[in-house]
Amino acid sequence: MTKAGDSTRRWPFQHGDEACRRYRAEGLWRDHLVTDYLAGMATTAPDRTCCIDNTHVMTYGAVHRQAHALARALQDRGLRKGDVISYQLPNWHEVLVIDMAAALLGLISNPIVPIYREREVRYILADAGSRVMFVPQTFRGFDYTGMMKRMQSDLPLLDHVVQVRGDDDGVLRYEHLVEAEGTVADEATVGADDPRLLMYTSGTTGRPKGVVHSQNTLDAELGNVLRYWGLNDSDVCFMPSPVTHITGYLYGIMFPFAYGVVSVLMEQWDADQALEMIDRNGCTFTVGATPFLQELVMAVQRAERIPETLRYFACGGAPVPPELIHRAYRAMPRTVVCRVYGSTEAPTVSLGVNRREDEELAATTDGRVVGHEVRIVDEHDRDVPPGDEGEIRTRGAEMMLGYLSPEDTAAALDAQGFFRTGDLGSCSPEGYLTISGRKKDLIIRGGENLSAKEIEDAIYEYPGVREVAVVAMPHPRLGETSCAFICVEPDVRIDVHLLGEFLLDYGLARQKHPERVEIVETLPRTASGKVQKFLLRERLRE
């Protein structure tokens, strides 16, 4: 096995020369380096806030000083351009410093979500060929340093484990690495097309795949968002999503150094605290998964006060019931609440709406396609007419460079270079995308395709239902039928017969009614909020 920085390692780059020229001509690829922006701000506005977390208000000057000190410490320990460094950290300001230090040296940042444990972490570190791993000593009762000590001998390429916010003198400590004032690293020659981020998919279906992005692909996504919603450097982004997930990384880590948008990082989600943080910091914009929106709406109703400064709440990462959007509009009359659609590979293919007057579009579609070419194809790879359902395929300036595995990349792209999302949906003549489910979420009942999302949206209308996931289960005669896993409010009664009566009154065809109902406390989710339906299907098989 070779180290990531060795010349024998080939990084993917799936954008063709013609596409690259077009992206630059259209201003989607600015060839912007975050390190240049940071250096400029450290000179002209060193005391300007770029990030706020649970313990610190970080300025551009402070990030610049600490990033250079950390970069020098990594350089002195043998890290070179192309090497991978990993970090499994909460939403702490230290992540900004680590990521900027990596950018100075041309290292590839590999964020790992904090919920992962030995099995997932060992796989990612080995697959990425990581040289350095940053972890907290403990977080939410788990000993990350102990985990790394147990597995480091199994990872021959991992030279160093660095502890953040800890006091274990038996390992390198982050605080010691950044304390050398006035230290300046020897910056690497880095281009905006070089690999910048290695992020693993969240594993809703099985083995995670390493997604590679460049500065240009990530910057293109942020530029699309900024222009579409009219954001600028006077905006403040509230970020409760993990910064080790693509949403948190883009808006919590990169936004301050790409467009000067301040990020407010929330360490651990709590809806009442979130409302207080939004008000205290004057947050104007946020992106979060469905549970965040559900619980923020309830917090607003409990507090009987609205978030005055919050202009946009973009909700994605998991299906968003239309009723939740309508409820949010009633609860937060100053906020545009909308659905967005994307993935680690293509972070935002569609971007909700940008006016409160478009509430119905916000509730019933996943927004307008922005900065992407989208195809909707049938099972024979033929484009379907506008409004018809098919698999969504996309390509654009913010698309990944490719997967770490060439085989994975080849399987994911069609002959025209469009990414096979695996999601089903339709696109209106006006360019509004509506997701109807995953190809693997189809329930094939007696030869008829049923949409799990359509059934879920109907069940959400049942009074007292908090969350629902519908999956296929084996049926001896029909092949498959559906089972609904449902989370309900206290004292709410629901079973397969009561649900069937409700859905009949609702107008849902009888063959779409779940034939089994399982009441559960919670649904298994990835860090981005996606329900891990394969675990529910496994539970049924067992």
Protein backbone atom coordinates (compact mmCIF):
# COMPACT_ATOMS: atom_id res chain seq x y z
CA MET A 1 0.00 0.00 0.00
CA THR A 2 1.25 3.51 -0.80
CA LYS A 3 0.89 6.64 1.26
CA ALA A 4 -1.61 9.13 -0.09
CA GLY A 5 1.04 11.70 -0.98
CA ASP A 6 3.07 9.24 -3.06
CA SER A 7 3.15 9.89 -6.79
CA THR A 8 1.87 6.36 -7.40
CA ARG A 9 -1.57 7.31 -6.07
CA ARG A 10 -3.95 8.57 -8.74
CA TRP A 11 -6.67 10.98 -7.64
CA PRO A 12 -9.87 11.08 -9.70
CA PHE A 13 -10.87 13.94 -11.99
CA GLN A 14 -14.02 13.18 -13.96
CA HIS A 15 -14.70 16.70 -15.37
CA GLY A 16 -13.65 16.90 -19.02
CA ASP A 17 -11.60 19.74 -20.52
CA GLU A 18 -14.60 21.24 -22.33
CA ALA A 19 -16.67 21.26 -19.13
CA CYS A 20 -13.81 22.86 -17.18
CA ARG A 21 -13.49 25.65 -19.75
CA ARG A 22 -17.25 26.24 -19.66
CA TYR A 23 -17.39 26.35 -15.86
CA ARG A 24 -14.61 28.94 -15.78
CA ALA A 25 -16.17 31.02 -18.57
CA GLU A 26 -19.49 31.06 -16.68
CA GLY A 27 -17.77 32.08 -13.43
CA LEU A 28 -18.77 28.87 -11.66
CA TRP A 29 -15.13 27.91 -11.13
CA ARG A 30 -13.30 30.96 -9.74
CA ASP A 31 -9.98 29.17 -9.10
CA HIS A 32 -10.36 30.66 -5.62
CA LEU A 33 -8.16 29.40 -2.79
CA VAL A 34 -9.48 29.66 0.75
CA THR A 35 -5.93 30.24 2.00
CA ASP A 36 -5.67 33.40 -0.14
CA TYR A 37 -8.94 34.68 1.29
CA LEU A 38 -7.80 33.89 4.83
CA ALA A 39 -4.47 35.67 4.31
CA GLY A 40 -6.24 38.73 2.93
CA MET A 41 -8.71 38.91 5.82
CA ALA A 42 -5.92 38.35 8.36
CA THR A 43 -4.20 41.43 6.90
CA THR A 44 -7.16 43.76 6.29
CA ALA A 45 -9.64 42.67 9.00
CA PRO A 46 -7.85 40.42 11.50
CA ASP A 47 -10.37 41.11 14.27
CA ARG A 48 -13.44 40.29 12.19
CA THR A 49 -15.39 37.28 13.46
CA CYS A 50 -15.48 34.26 11.16
CA CYS A 51 -16.81 31.55 13.49
CA ILE A 52 -18.58 31.17 16.83
CA ASP A 53 -18.83 27.90 18.72
CA ASN A 54 -19.70 26.82 22.26
CA THR A 55 -16.44 28.14 23.74
CA HIS A 56 -14.85 30.65 21.36
CA VAL A 57 -15.42 33.56 19.04
CA MET A 58 -12.79 33.02 16.35
CA THR A 59 -11.43 35.86 14.24
CA TYR A 60 -9.74 35.61 10.87
CA GLY A 61 -6.47 36.67 12.47
CA ALA A 62 -6.66 33.92 15.10
CA VAL A 63 -7.47 31.23 12.54
CA HIS A 64 -4.59 32.42 10.33
CA ARG A 65 -2.05 32.29 13.20
CA GLN A 66 -3.17 28.91 14.52
CA ALA A 67 -3.49 27.33 11.05
CA HIS A 68 0.09 28.32 10.20
CA ALA A 69 1.38 26.97 13.53
CA LEU A 70 -0.44 23.67 13.01
CA ALA A 71 0.69 23.44 9.39
CA ARG A 72 4.30 23.89 10.45
CA ALA A 73 3.89 21.19 13.13
CA LEU A 74 2.48 18.79 10.54
CA GLN A 75 5.23 19.71 8.09
CA ASP A 76 7.87 19.00 10.70
CA ARG A 77 6.32 15.55 11.16
CA GLY A 78 6.69 14.68 7.49
CA LEU A 79 3.28 15.59 5.98
CA ARG A 80 3.45 16.64 2.35
CA LYS A 81 1.06 17.71 -0.41
CA GLY A 82 -1.39 14.93 -1.29
CA ASP A 83 -1.33 13.27 2.13
CA VAL A 84 -4.65 12.67 3.89
CA ILE A 85 -5.44 13.89 7.38
CA SER A 86 -8.62 12.76 9.12
CA TYR A 87 -10.63 14.28 11.95
CA GLN A 88 -13.55 12.93 13.94
CA LEU A 89 -14.60 16.01 15.86
CA PRO A 90 -17.80 17.72 16.98
CA ASN A 91 -18.80 21.19 15.76
CA TRP A 92 -15.81 22.92 17.33
CA HIS A 93 -13.82 25.89 16.05
CA GLU A 94 -10.69 23.72 15.95
CA VAL A 95 -12.00 22.06 12.79
CA LEU A 96 -11.65 25.36 10.91
CA VAL A 97 -8.02 25.60 11.98
CA ILE A 98 -7.28 21.97 11.05
CA ASP A 99 -8.94 22.35 7.66
CA MET A 100 -7.09 25.60 6.90
CA ALA A 101 -3.77 24.04 7.94
CA ALA A 102 -4.46 21.20 5.52
CA ALA A 103 -5.23 23.71 2.74
CA LEU A 104 -1.93 25.52 3.35
CA LEU A 105 0.02 22.31 2.79
CA GLY A 106 -2.12 20.85 0.00
CA LEU A 107 -3.28 18.02 2.26
CA ILE A 108 -6.64 16.33 1.72
CA SER A 109 -9.13 16.74 4.57
CA ASN A 110 -11.05 13.62 5.52
CA PRO A 111 -13.87 14.40 7.99
CA ILE A 112 -15.44 11.44 9.83
CA VAL A 113 -18.77 11.82 11.62
CA PRO A 114 -18.51 11.44 15.43
CA ILE A 115 -21.17 8.70 15.62
CA TYR A 116 -18.87 6.19 13.87
CA ARG A 117 -17.05 3.62 15.97
CA GLU A 118 -14.17 1.19 15.45
CA ARG A 119 -15.57 -0.78 12.52
CA GLU A 120 -16.40 2.27 10.37
CA VAL A 121 -13.40 4.36 11.47
CA ARG A 122 -10.89 1.58 10.83
CA TYR A 123 -12.31 1.02 7.35
CA ILE A 124 -12.19 4.73 6.43
CA LEU A 125 -8.70 5.37 7.79
CA ALA A 126 -7.31 2.34 5.97
CA ASP A 127 -9.11 3.09 2.72
CA ALA A 128 -8.06 6.75 2.77
CA GLY A 129 -4.47 6.00 3.79
CA SER A 130 -4.69 8.66 6.51
CA ARG A 131 -1.42 9.88 8.03
CA VAL A 132 -2.86 11.85 10.98
CA MET A 133 -6.11 11.52 12.94
CA PHE A 134 -7.55 14.28 15.17
CA VAL A 135 -10.04 13.17 17.84
CA PRO A 136 -11.51 14.55 21.07
CA GLN A 137 -10.45 12.89 24.28
CA THR A 138 -14.10 12.18 25.03
CA PHE A 139 -17.37 13.44 23.62
CA ARG A 140 -20.88 12.50 24.73
CA GLY A 141 -19.42 9.88 27.05
CA PHE A 142 -17.33 8.06 24.44
CA ASP A 143 -13.53 7.67 24.71
CA TYR A 144 -12.22 8.48 21.20
CA THR A 145 -8.58 8.50 22.26
CA GLY A 146 -8.96 5.03 23.74
CA MET A 147 -10.55 3.80 20.51
CA MET A 148 -7.63 5.13 18.47
CA LYS A 149 -5.06 3.58 20.80
CA ARG A 150 -6.74 0.20 20.32
CA MET A 151 -6.72 0.35 16.53
CA GLN A 152 -3.58 2.33 15.63
CA SER A 153 -1.40 -0.79 15.40
CA ASP A 154 -3.78 -2.08 12.69
CA LEU A 155 -3.20 1.05 10.59
CA PRO A 156 0.44 1.10 9.43
CA LEU A 157 0.04 4.37 7.48
CA LEU A 158 -1.38 6.27 10.45
CA ASP A 159 1.66 8.03 11.93
CA HIS A 160 0.01 10.29 14.51
CA VAL A 161 -3.11 10.58 16.64
CA VAL A 162 -3.76 14.12 17.87
CA GLN A 163 -6.07 14.75 20.80
CA VAL A 164 -8.25 17.88 20.79
CA ARG A 165 -9.52 19.40 24.07
CA GLY A 166 -7.89 16.72 26.18
CA ASP A 167 -5.25 16.26 28.86
CA ASP A 168 -3.72 12.89 27.96
CA ASP A 169 0.04 13.48 27.82
CA GLY A 170 0.51 10.05 26.23
CA VAL A 171 -0.60 11.37 22.81
CA LEU A 172 0.05 14.49 20.75
CA ARG A 173 -2.17 17.34 21.88
CA TYR A 174 -3.66 19.85 19.48
CA GLU A 175 -3.24 22.72 21.92
CA HIS A 176 0.54 22.18 21.99
CA LEU A 177 0.75 22.14 18.19
CA VAL A 178 -0.96 25.52 17.70
CA GLU A 179 0.65 27.46 20.55
CA ALA A 180 3.84 28.58 18.70
CA GLU A 181 3.07 32.26 17.99
CA GLY A 182 4.54 33.74 14.83
CA THR A 183 5.14 30.37 13.18
CA VAL A 184 4.78 30.37 9.40
CA ALA A 185 4.47 27.21 7.35
CA ASP A 186 6.05 26.70 3.94
CA GLU A 187 2.91 26.76 1.83
CA ALA A 188 2.57 24.16 -0.91
CA THR A 189 1.85 25.07 -4.52
CA VAL A 190 -1.83 24.20 -4.69
CA GLY A 191 -4.35 24.57 -7.50
CA ALA A 192 -8.11 24.91 -7.18
CA ASP A 193 -8.52 21.66 -9.17
CA ASP A 194 -6.36 19.65 -6.77
CA PRO A 195 -8.15 17.21 -4.42
CA ARG A 196 -9.25 19.11 -1.32
CA LEU A 197 -11.82 16.94 0.45
CA LEU A 198 -12.26 13.19 0.86
CA MET A 199 -15.63 12.46 2.43
CA TYR A 200 -17.24 9.06 2.75
CA THR A 201 -20.87 8.47 1.89
CA SER A 202 -23.08 7.93 4.89
CA GLY A 203 -23.83 4.28 4.24
CA THR A 204 -27.60 4.02 3.77
CA THR A 205 -27.13 0.91 1.64
CA GLY A 206 -23.84 -0.68 2.70
CA ARG A 207 -20.13 0.01 2.14
CA PRO A 208 -19.29 3.74 2.26
CA LYS A 209 -17.49 5.18 -0.78
CA GLY A 210 -14.83 7.90 -0.68
CA VAL A 211 -16.04 11.04 -2.52
CA VAL A 212 -13.30 13.42 -3.73
CA HIS A 213 -13.93 17.17 -4.19
CA SER A 214 -11.68 20.04 -5.23
CA GLN A 215 -11.71 23.66 -4.11
CA ASN A 216 -13.48 24.54 -7.37
CA THR A 217 -16.27 21.99 -7.01
CA LEU A 218 -16.99 23.01 -3.42
CA ASP A 219 -16.77 26.72 -4.22
CA ALA A 220 -19.20 26.29 -7.13
CA GLU A 221 -21.82 24.89 -4.75
CA LEU A 222 -21.44 27.79 -2.32
CA GLY A 223 -21.62 30.30 -5.17
CA ASN A 224 -24.89 28.79 -6.42
CA VAL A 225 -26.40 29.04 -2.94
CA LEU A 226 -25.13 32.59 -2.38
CA ARG A 227 -26.53 33.92 -5.66
CA TYR A 228 -29.87 32.08 -5.50
CA TRP A 229 -30.76 33.24 -1.99
CA GLY A 230 -29.02 36.62 -2.21
CA LEU A 231 -26.60 35.98 0.66
CA ASN A 232 -23.46 38.06 1.29
CA ASP A 233 -20.77 38.69 3.90
CA SER A 234 -23.26 40.36 6.24
CA ASP A 235 -25.10 37.04 6.68
CA VAL A 236 -24.69 34.65 9.60
CA CYS A 237 -25.12 30.91 9.05
CA PHE A 238 -26.42 28.76 11.91
CA MET A 239 -24.98 25.27 11.53
CA PRO A 240 -26.28 22.41 13.72
CA SER A 241 -25.44 19.71 11.13
CA PRO A 242 -22.13 17.92 11.81
CA VAL A 243 -19.20 19.74 10.17
CA THR A 244 -17.96 16.27 9.26
CA HIS A 245 -20.96 15.90 6.91
CA ILE A 246 -21.09 17.67 3.53
CA THR A 247 -23.72 20.18 4.69
CA GLY A 248 -21.87 21.15 7.85
CA TYR A 249 -18.52 21.21 6.06
CA LEU A 250 -19.70 23.53 3.29
CA TYR A 251 -21.65 26.03 5.38
CA GLY A 252 -19.90 25.70 8.74
CA ILE A 253 -16.28 25.40 7.59
CA MET A 254 -15.94 26.75 4.03
CA PHE A 255 -18.46 29.60 3.90
CA PRO A 256 -16.36 31.99 6.06
CA PHE A 257 -13.32 31.53 3.79
CA ALA A 258 -15.11 31.48 0.44
CA TYR A 259 -17.59 34.34 0.86
CA GLY A 260 -17.11 35.81 4.33
CA VAL A 261 -20.35 34.42 5.80
CA VAL A 262 -19.98 33.98 9.59
CA SER A 263 -20.70 30.45 10.85
CA VAL A 264 -22.29 29.71 14.22
CA LEU A 265 -21.57 26.09 15.16
CA MET A 266 -23.86 24.12 17.46
CA GLU A 267 -22.06 21.30 19.26
CA GLN A 268 -25.08 19.17 20.10
CA TRP A 269 -28.62 19.62 18.81
CA ASP A 270 -31.21 20.99 21.18
CA ALA A 271 -34.15 22.83 19.63
CA ASP A 272 -34.74 25.29 22.49
CA GLN A 273 -31.06 26.14 22.60
CA ALA A 274 -31.01 26.46 18.81
CA LEU A 275 -33.73 29.10 18.92
CA GLU A 276 -31.78 31.00 21.55
CA MET A 277 -28.53 30.81 19.53
CA ILE A 278 -30.26 32.01 16.35
CA ASP A 279 -31.66 35.03 18.22
CA ARG A 280 -28.47 35.83 20.12
CA ASN A 281 -26.21 35.74 17.07
CA GLY A 282 -28.63 37.21 14.53
CA CYS A 283 -28.49 34.12 12.32
CA THR A 284 -30.07 34.63 8.91
CA PHE A 285 -29.66 31.27 7.18
CA THR A 286 -29.46 27.58 7.99
CA VAL A 287 -29.53 24.18 6.33
CA GLY A 288 -30.63 21.16 8.34
CA ALA A 289 -32.22 17.74 8.18
CA THR A 290 -35.92 17.06 8.67
CA PRO A 291 -35.75 16.36 12.45
CA PHE A 292 -34.10 19.76 13.03
CA LEU A 293 -36.96 21.57 11.31
CA GLN A 294 -39.61 19.50 13.08
CA GLU A 295 -38.15 20.23 16.50
CA LEU A 296 -37.34 23.90 15.84
CA VAL A 297 -40.97 24.48 14.87
CA MET A 298 -42.08 22.88 18.16
CA ALA A 299 -39.55 25.04 20.08
CA VAL A 300 -40.89 28.19 18.43
CA GLN A 301 -44.43 27.20 19.38
CA ARG A 302 -43.37 26.49 22.98
CA ALA A 303 -41.49 29.77 23.31
CA GLU A 304 -44.29 31.74 21.61
CA ARG A 305 -41.70 33.85 19.81
CA ILE A 306 -40.44 33.70 16.27
CA PRO A 307 -36.80 33.78 15.09
CA GLU A 308 -36.84 37.39 13.87
CA THR A 309 -33.59 37.34 11.86
CA LEU A 310 -33.86 33.89 10.23
CA ARG A 311 -34.61 34.48 6.53
CA TYR A 312 -34.02 30.95 5.16
CA PHE A 313 -34.31 27.42 6.50
CA ALA A 314 -33.35 24.94 3.78
CA CYS A 315 -34.34 21.41 4.71
CA GLY A 316 -32.87 18.30 3.11
CA GLY A 317 -30.89 15.13 3.62
CA ALA A 318 -34.07 13.13 4.22
CA PRO A 319 -37.66 13.23 2.90
CA VAL A 320 -39.56 16.33 4.03
CA PRO A 321 -43.34 15.88 4.41
CA PRO A 322 -45.33 18.73 2.78
CA GLU A 323 -47.33 19.21 5.98
CA LEU A 324 -44.11 19.99 7.89
CA ILE A 325 -43.33 22.85 5.48
CA HIS A 326 -46.83 24.29 5.88
CA ARG A 327 -46.54 24.00 9.67
CA ALA A 328 -43.18 25.80 9.57
CA TYR A 329 -44.66 28.64 7.49
CA ARG A 330 -47.38 29.14 10.08
CA ALA A 331 -44.92 29.05 12.98
CA MET A 332 -42.16 31.23 11.46
CA PRO A 333 -43.76 34.04 9.43
CA ARG A 334 -40.44 35.79 8.63
CA THR A 335 -38.69 32.69 7.27
CA VAL A 336 -38.63 31.09 3.83
CA VAL A 337 -38.72 27.35 4.59
CA CYS A 338 -38.09 25.02 1.68
CA ARG A 339 -36.87 21.61 0.58
CA VAL A 340 -33.50 21.13 -1.13
CA TYR A 341 -31.99 18.11 -2.82
CA GLY A 342 -28.43 16.88 -3.15
CA SER A 343 -25.82 14.39 -1.97
CA THR A 344 -22.18 14.20 -0.98
CA GLU A 345 -21.38 13.62 -4.66
CA ALA A 346 -23.47 16.60 -5.88
CA PRO A 347 -24.24 18.70 -2.80
CA THR A 348 -27.21 20.79 -4.00
CA VAL A 349 -28.88 19.91 -7.27
CA SER A 350 -32.01 21.92 -6.46
CA LEU A 351 -32.47 24.89 -4.18
CA GLY A 352 -35.96 25.28 -2.80
CA VAL A 353 -37.72 28.59 -3.33
CA ASN A 354 -36.55 32.10 -2.48
CA ARG A 355 -39.89 33.81 -1.72
CA ARG A 356 -42.50 33.13 0.95
CA GLU A 357 -45.17 33.64 -1.71
CA ASP A 358 -44.13 30.29 -3.19
CA GLU A 359 -45.15 28.25 -0.14
CA GLU A 360 -46.97 25.60 -2.16
CA LEU A 361 -43.91 25.01 -4.36
CA ALA A 362 -41.78 24.91 -1.20
CA ALA A 363 -44.00 22.20 0.28
CA THR A 364 -44.61 20.05 -2.78
CA THR A 365 -41.30 20.24 -4.71
CA ASP A 366 -37.63 20.01 -3.84
CA GLY A 367 -36.89 23.29 -5.54
CA ARG A 368 -35.52 24.66 -8.76
CA VAL A 369 -32.55 23.00 -10.45
CA VAL A 370 -29.64 25.44 -10.01
CA GLY A 371 -26.20 25.08 -11.62
CA HIS A 372 -26.86 21.54 -12.87
CA GLU A 373 -27.91 19.70 -15.97
CA VAL A 374 -30.51 17.11 -14.99
CA ARG A 375 -31.83 14.12 -16.90
CA ILE A 376 -34.84 12.05 -15.84
CA VAL A 377 -34.55 8.62 -17.44
CA ASP A 378 -36.57 5.41 -17.61
CA GLU A 379 -35.25 1.90 -17.00
CA HIS A 380 -33.84 1.86 -20.56
CA ASP A 381 -31.82 5.09 -20.06
CA ARG A 382 -34.24 7.06 -22.23
CA ASP A 383 -35.22 10.60 -21.24
CA VAL A 384 -38.84 10.83 -20.11
CA PRO A 385 -41.19 13.76 -20.87
CA PRO A 386 -41.31 16.70 -18.39
CA GLY A 387 -43.38 15.76 -15.35
CA ASP A 388 -42.92 12.01 -15.77
CA GLU A 389 -41.12 9.96 -13.12
CA GLY A 390 -37.74 8.36 -13.68
CA GLU A 391 -34.26 8.12 -12.22
CA ILE A 392 -32.57 11.47 -11.60
CA ARG A 393 -29.16 11.94 -13.19
CA THR A 394 -27.12 15.09 -12.91
CA ARG A 395 -23.85 16.77 -13.78
CA GLY A 396 -22.48 20.23 -13.10
CA ALA A 397 -19.68 22.39 -11.75
CA GLU A 398 -20.15 21.22 -8.16
CA MET A 399 -20.03 17.52 -9.02
CA MET A 400 -17.35 15.47 -7.29
CA LEU A 401 -14.05 14.77 -9.04
CA GLY A 402 -14.96 11.11 -8.61
CA TYR A 403 -14.81 8.34 -6.05
CA LEU A 404 -11.53 7.18 -4.58
CA SER A 405 -12.17 3.84 -6.30
CA PRO A 406 -12.10 4.09 -10.14
CA GLU A 407 -14.51 1.14 -10.29
CA ASP A 408 -17.03 3.01 -8.12
CA THR A 409 -16.70 6.09 -10.34
CA ALA A 410 -17.23 4.11 -13.54
CA ALA A 411 -20.35 2.46 -12.11
CA ALA A 412 -21.78 5.78 -10.91
CA LEU A 413 -21.58 7.72 -14.20
CA ASP A 414 -23.44 7.14 -17.44
CA ALA A 415 -21.95 7.51 -20.91
CA GLN A 416 -22.51 11.30 -20.90
CA GLY A 417 -20.88 11.77 -17.50
CA PHE A 418 -24.16 12.20 -15.60
CA PHE A 419 -24.17 10.92 -12.01
CA ARG A 420 -26.68 8.11 -11.41
CA THR A 421 -28.26 9.34 -8.17
CA GLY A 422 -30.42 6.25 -7.61
CA ASP A 423 -33.27 8.62 -6.69
CA LEU A 424 -36.62 8.69 -8.45
CA GLY A 425 -38.31 11.95 -9.30
CA SER A 426 -39.75 14.25 -11.92
CA CYS A 427 -38.86 17.69 -13.26
CA SER A 428 -41.49 20.21 -14.29
CA PRO A 429 -41.18 22.30 -17.47
CA GLU A 430 -40.31 25.24 -15.17
CA GLY A 431 -37.32 23.34 -13.76
CA TYR A 432 -38.73 22.32 -10.36
CA LEU A 433 -37.55 18.93 -9.16
CA THR A 434 -39.71 16.62 -7.04
CA ILE A 435 -38.19 13.54 -5.41
CA SER A 436 -40.53 10.58 -5.21
CA GLY A 437 -38.20 8.06 -3.55
CA ARG A 438 -35.21 5.80 -4.01
CA LYS A 439 -35.11 3.16 -6.73
CA LYS A 440 -34.40 0.69 -3.95
CA ASP A 441 -37.37 2.04 -1.96
CA LEU A 442 -39.88 0.92 -4.56
CA ILE A 443 -42.27 -1.70 -3.27
CA ILE A 444 -43.14 -4.09 -6.07
CA ARG A 445 -46.51 -5.49 -4.98
CA GLY A 446 -47.89 -8.09 -7.36
CA GLY A 447 -45.96 -6.51 -10.24
CA GLU A 448 -47.12 -2.95 -9.42
CA ASN A 449 -44.58 -0.32 -8.32
CA LEU A 450 -45.59 1.49 -5.13
CA SER A 451 -43.78 4.61 -3.88
CA ALA A 452 -42.73 4.41 -0.24
CA LYS A 453 -42.60 8.23 -0.08
CA GLU A 454 -46.21 8.62 -1.25
CA ILE A 455 -47.34 6.26 1.51
CA GLU A 456 -45.15 8.01 4.09
CA ASP A 457 -46.53 11.45 3.17
CA ALA A 458 -50.07 10.13 3.69
CA ILE A 459 -49.25 8.55 7.08
CA TYR A 460 -47.68 11.82 8.27
CA GLU A 461 -51.20 13.30 8.12
CA TYR A 462 -52.38 10.88 10.85
CA PRO A 463 -52.71 12.95 14.07
CA GLY A 464 -49.80 12.39 16.44
CA VAL A 465 -47.39 10.77 13.98
CA ARG A 466 -43.88 12.19 14.47
CA GLU A 467 -41.90 10.12 11.99
CA VAL A 468 -42.51 7.26 9.60
CA ALA A 469 -40.49 5.02 7.31
CA VAL A 470 -42.15 2.60 4.90
CA VAL A 471 -40.15 -0.36 3.57
CA ALA A 472 -40.82 -3.46 1.52
CA MET A 473 -41.32 -6.78 3.27
CA PRO A 474 -41.59 -10.25 1.67
CA HIS A 475 -45.05 -11.56 0.86
CA PRO A 476 -45.68 -15.22 -0.12
CA ARG A 477 -48.20 -14.42 -2.87
CA LEU A 478 -47.53 -10.83 -3.97
CA GLY A 479 -43.74 -10.90 -3.71
CA GLU A 480 -43.59 -7.74 -1.63
CA THR A 481 -45.87 -5.56 0.40
CA SER A 482 -45.21 -2.69 2.79
CA CYS A 483 -44.46 -2.28 6.48
CA ALA A 484 -44.63 1.09 8.24
CA PHE A 485 -42.26 1.87 11.10
CA ILE A 486 -43.90 4.75 12.99
CA CYS A 487 -42.86 7.05 15.86
CA VAL A 488 -45.87 8.60 17.61
CA GLU A 489 -46.57 11.19 20.29
CA PRO A 490 -47.41 9.89 23.80
CA ASP A 491 -50.90 8.39 24.18
CA VAL A 492 -51.46 8.17 20.41
CA ARG A 493 -53.06 4.87 19.38
CA ILE A 494 -52.37 3.45 15.94
CA ASP A 495 -52.37 -0.03 14.49
CA VAL A 496 -52.73 -1.53 11.04
CA HIS A 497 -56.54 -1.41 11.16
CA LEU A 498 -56.82 2.19 12.42
CA LEU A 499 -54.22 3.28 9.90
CA GLY A 500 -56.06 1.47 7.10
CA GLU A 501 -59.31 3.27 7.94
CA PHE A 502 -57.50 6.61 8.02
CA LEU A 503 -55.76 6.03 4.68
CA LEU A 504 -59.02 4.94 3.07
CA ASP A 505 -60.65 8.22 4.17
CA TYR A 506 -57.51 10.06 3.03
CA GLY A 507 -58.05 8.63 -0.45
CA LEU A 508 -55.04 6.33 -0.72
CA ALA A 509 -55.68 3.20 -2.78
CA ARG A 510 -56.10 0.12 -0.63
CA GLN A 511 -53.18 -1.76 -2.23
CA LYS A 512 -50.87 0.99 -0.95
CA HIS A 513 -51.91 0.52 2.68
CA PRO A 514 -49.17 -1.01 4.87
CA GLU A 515 -49.97 -4.57 5.88
CA ARG A 516 -47.87 -4.30 9.01
CA VAL A 517 -47.25 -1.46 11.49
CA GLU A 518 -44.31 -1.36 13.89
CA ILE A 519 -44.36 1.34 16.60
CA VAL A 520 -40.78 2.41 17.44
CA GLU A 521 -39.17 5.05 19.64
CA THR A 522 -36.72 6.21 16.97
CA LEU A 523 -35.69 5.44 13.40
CA PRO A 524 -32.07 4.52 12.62
CA ARG A 525 -30.42 7.46 10.85
CA THR A 526 -27.15 8.50 9.29
CA ALA A 527 -25.39 11.67 10.48
CA SER A 528 -27.16 13.63 7.72
CA GLY A 529 -30.59 12.54 8.94
CA LYS A 530 -31.30 9.91 6.28
CA VAL A 531 -33.22 6.92 7.57
CA GLN A 532 -31.18 3.73 7.19
CA LYS A 533 -33.95 1.68 5.65
CA PHE A 534 -31.69 -1.28 5.00
CA LEU A 535 -31.52 -1.73 8.79
CA LEU A 536 -35.32 -1.74 8.97
CA ARG A 537 -35.49 -4.31 6.17
CA GLU A 538 -32.94 -6.44 8.03
CA ARG A 539 -35.05 -6.17 11.18
CA LEU A 540 -38.05 -7.47 9.24
CA ARG A 541 -36.07 -10.38 7.81
CA GLU A 542 -34.90 -11.33 11.28
